[in-house]
Amino acid sequence: MPENWRIVFTRLDYFLAFGLGSGLAPRAPGTAGSALGLLLFIPALYAPLPVQLGIIFLGFILGVWISDRVAVHMEVKDPGGIVWDEFVGMWITLLWLPSLIWLIPAFLLFRLFDIWKPWPVRVADEKLAGGFGIMLDDVIAGLYALAAVQILNYGFQQLFI
């Protein structure tokens, strides 16, 4: 968290990077950012897939820029309060969501992969710098969670059909 947390509400790049303020949560800012990201994406679940992919693509491009800008300004490689990357990772997780029943499992799976950081999530987190590095580990965690949701949904369908 920035020493002067008020900067989050006075600069647009900080406001976005800090997930509209959710990154200021005193405990588990990544979880707070993921939860807000989930809530913000619910309306997009009713949009066609190309619209959802467009939101994610634009969110990623914007995230690389604002994350890099804020991290450089803060002089920290990957500030914990930057949670725009959690927004985008969560949005990826929600692609092709089978039904709203899967919102909580999707959220929990994304948090699991984001915290656990299995290969190559950990490599992206540790080896890559700048906004691209900040964003990429959460994109990969989102892809893992997306795959897990789809596999679990398929498994449940097979059990109950």
Protein backbone atom coordinates (compact mmCIF):
# COMPACT_ATOMS: atom_id res chain seq x y z
CA MET A 1 0.00 0.00 0.00
CA PRO A 2 1.37 3.43 -0.79
CA GLU A 3 2.49 5.42 2.24
CA ASN A 4 0.14 8.18 1.22
CA TRP A 5 -2.90 6.02 0.39
CA ARG A 6 -4.85 9.11 -0.66
CA ILE A 7 -2.90 9.08 -3.92
CA VAL A 8 -5.13 6.15 -4.99
CA PHE A 9 -8.08 8.52 -5.05
CA THR A 10 -6.29 11.45 -6.69
CA ARG A 11 -4.57 9.77 -9.65
CA LEU A 12 -6.47 7.72 -12.21
CA ASP A 13 -3.56 5.32 -12.82
CA TYR A 14 -3.37 4.49 -9.10
CA PHE A 15 -7.16 4.24 -8.78
CA LEU A 16 -7.32 1.70 -11.60
CA ALA A 17 -4.17 -0.20 -10.60
CA PHE A 18 -5.43 -0.44 -7.04
CA GLY A 19 -8.67 -1.96 -8.30
CA LEU A 20 -10.92 1.06 -7.67
CA GLY A 21 -9.59 1.11 -4.11
CA SER A 22 -9.98 -2.62 -3.35
CA GLY A 23 -6.19 -3.00 -3.29
CA LEU A 24 -6.14 -0.85 -0.15
CA ALA A 25 -7.75 -3.68 1.87
CA PRO A 26 -5.65 -4.11 5.02
CA ARG A 27 -5.69 -7.91 4.69
CA ALA A 28 -5.67 -9.98 1.49
CA PRO A 29 -5.87 -7.17 -1.08
CA GLY A 30 -5.57 -9.75 -3.86
CA THR A 31 -8.67 -11.50 -2.59
CA ALA A 32 -10.53 -8.19 -2.30
CA GLY A 33 -9.49 -7.27 -5.84
CA SER A 34 -10.54 -10.68 -7.16
CA ALA A 35 -13.94 -10.38 -5.50
CA LEU A 36 -14.54 -6.93 -6.97
CA GLY A 37 -13.29 -8.13 -10.35
CA LEU A 38 -15.80 -10.99 -10.23
CA LEU A 39 -18.65 -8.63 -9.39
CA LEU A 40 -17.69 -6.20 -12.15
CA PHE A 41 -17.63 -8.97 -14.76
CA ILE A 42 -21.05 -10.48 -13.96
CA PRO A 43 -22.88 -8.20 -16.47
CA ALA A 44 -20.37 -9.24 -19.16
CA LEU A 45 -21.33 -12.89 -18.64
CA TYR A 46 -24.53 -12.08 -20.53
CA ALA A 47 -22.62 -10.56 -23.46
CA PRO A 48 -21.41 -12.55 -26.47
CA LEU A 49 -18.02 -14.24 -26.15
CA PRO A 50 -16.26 -11.73 -28.48
CA VAL A 51 -17.36 -8.90 -26.17
CA GLN A 52 -16.03 -10.76 -23.12
CA LEU A 53 -12.73 -11.43 -24.90
CA GLY A 54 -12.52 -7.76 -25.91
CA ILE A 55 -13.00 -6.67 -22.30
CA ILE A 56 -10.25 -9.04 -21.18
CA PHE A 57 -7.88 -7.98 -23.96
CA LEU A 58 -8.40 -4.27 -23.28
CA GLY A 59 -8.16 -4.91 -19.53
CA PHE A 60 -4.84 -6.68 -20.05
CA ILE A 61 -3.37 -3.92 -22.25
CA LEU A 62 -4.54 -1.23 -19.83
CA GLY A 63 -3.25 -3.31 -16.90
CA VAL A 64 0.24 -3.65 -18.35
CA TRP A 65 0.44 0.11 -18.78
CA ILE A 66 -1.02 1.22 -15.44
CA SER A 67 0.71 -1.50 -13.41
CA ASP A 68 4.08 -0.58 -14.88
CA ARG A 69 3.46 3.13 -14.39
CA VAL A 70 2.40 2.76 -10.74
CA ALA A 71 5.11 0.21 -9.85
CA VAL A 72 7.80 2.49 -11.31
CA HIS A 73 6.36 5.49 -9.46
CA MET A 74 6.24 3.49 -6.20
CA GLU A 75 9.73 2.06 -6.87
CA VAL A 76 8.47 -1.47 -6.05
CA LYS A 77 8.65 -4.44 -8.48
CA ASP A 78 5.12 -5.73 -7.81
CA PRO A 79 3.25 -3.75 -5.14
CA GLY A 80 0.71 -5.91 -3.32
CA GLY A 81 -1.94 -3.22 -3.62
CA ILE A 82 -1.94 -3.38 -7.40
CA VAL A 83 -4.90 -5.68 -8.05
CA TRP A 84 -5.89 -4.82 -11.62
CA ASP A 85 -4.07 -8.04 -12.51
CA GLU A 86 -6.50 -9.93 -10.25
CA PHE A 87 -9.39 -8.30 -12.12
CA VAL A 88 -8.13 -9.63 -15.45
CA GLY A 89 -7.21 -13.06 -14.07
CA MET A 90 -10.67 -13.38 -12.57
CA TRP A 91 -12.30 -12.30 -15.84
CA ILE A 92 -10.38 -15.02 -17.69
CA THR A 93 -11.55 -17.56 -15.11
CA LEU A 94 -15.18 -16.57 -15.79
CA LEU A 95 -15.06 -17.19 -19.56
CA TRP A 96 -17.54 -19.86 -20.65
CA LEU A 97 -18.92 -19.98 -17.10
CA PRO A 98 -21.43 -22.86 -17.24
CA SER A 99 -23.88 -21.13 -14.86
CA LEU A 100 -23.89 -18.63 -12.02
CA ILE A 101 -23.62 -21.58 -9.60
CA TRP A 102 -19.96 -21.71 -10.64
CA LEU A 103 -19.16 -18.14 -9.50
CA ILE A 104 -17.89 -19.14 -6.04
CA PRO A 105 -15.93 -22.22 -7.21
CA ALA A 106 -14.41 -20.11 -10.00
CA PHE A 107 -13.42 -17.43 -7.48
CA LEU A 108 -11.89 -20.02 -5.11
CA LEU A 109 -10.01 -21.78 -7.90
CA PHE A 110 -8.56 -18.51 -9.19
CA ARG A 111 -7.41 -17.56 -5.69
CA LEU A 112 -5.90 -21.05 -5.24
CA PHE A 113 -3.83 -20.82 -8.43
CA ASP A 114 -2.91 -17.18 -7.81
CA ILE A 115 -1.65 -17.93 -4.29
CA TRP A 116 -0.15 -21.38 -4.95
CA LYS A 117 1.57 -20.20 -8.15
CA PRO A 118 2.18 -23.53 -9.91
CA TRP A 119 4.58 -23.55 -12.84
CA PRO A 120 4.68 -21.33 -14.94
CA VAL A 121 2.74 -18.87 -12.77
CA ARG A 122 5.65 -18.66 -10.32
CA VAL A 123 8.16 -18.16 -13.15
CA ALA A 124 6.13 -15.26 -14.55
CA ASP A 125 5.79 -13.78 -11.06
CA GLU A 126 9.48 -14.04 -10.17
CA LYS A 127 11.33 -13.60 -13.46
CA LEU A 128 9.37 -11.01 -15.40
CA ALA A 129 9.48 -7.35 -14.48
CA GLY A 130 7.30 -4.36 -15.16
CA GLY A 131 3.64 -4.23 -15.98
CA PHE A 132 3.81 -7.29 -18.24
CA GLY A 133 5.24 -9.39 -15.40
CA ILE A 134 2.70 -8.05 -12.92
CA MET A 135 -0.14 -9.01 -15.27
CA LEU A 136 1.11 -12.28 -16.75
CA ASP A 137 1.18 -14.43 -13.61
CA ASP A 138 -2.49 -13.66 -12.96
CA VAL A 139 -3.38 -14.32 -16.60
CA ILE A 140 -1.82 -17.77 -16.33
CA ALA A 141 -3.50 -18.41 -12.96
CA GLY A 142 -6.78 -17.38 -14.62
CA LEU A 143 -6.18 -19.86 -17.45
CA TYR A 144 -5.53 -22.63 -14.92
CA ALA A 145 -8.71 -21.75 -13.03
CA LEU A 146 -10.70 -21.54 -16.28
CA ALA A 147 -9.52 -25.03 -17.23
CA ALA A 148 -10.32 -26.36 -13.75
CA VAL A 149 -13.86 -24.93 -13.82
CA GLN A 150 -14.50 -26.43 -17.24
CA ILE A 151 -13.09 -29.85 -16.26
CA LEU A 152 -15.06 -29.91 -13.00
CA ASN A 153 -18.25 -28.87 -14.78
CA TYR A 154 -17.75 -31.61 -17.39
CA GLY A 155 -17.13 -34.15 -14.62
CA PHE A 156 -20.30 -33.14 -12.76
CA GLN A 157 -22.30 -33.34 -15.98
CA GLN A 158 -21.03 -36.87 -16.58
CA LEU A 159 -21.93 -37.93 -13.05
CA PHE A 160 -25.48 -36.60 -13.18
CA ILE A 161 -26.49 -37.35 -16.77
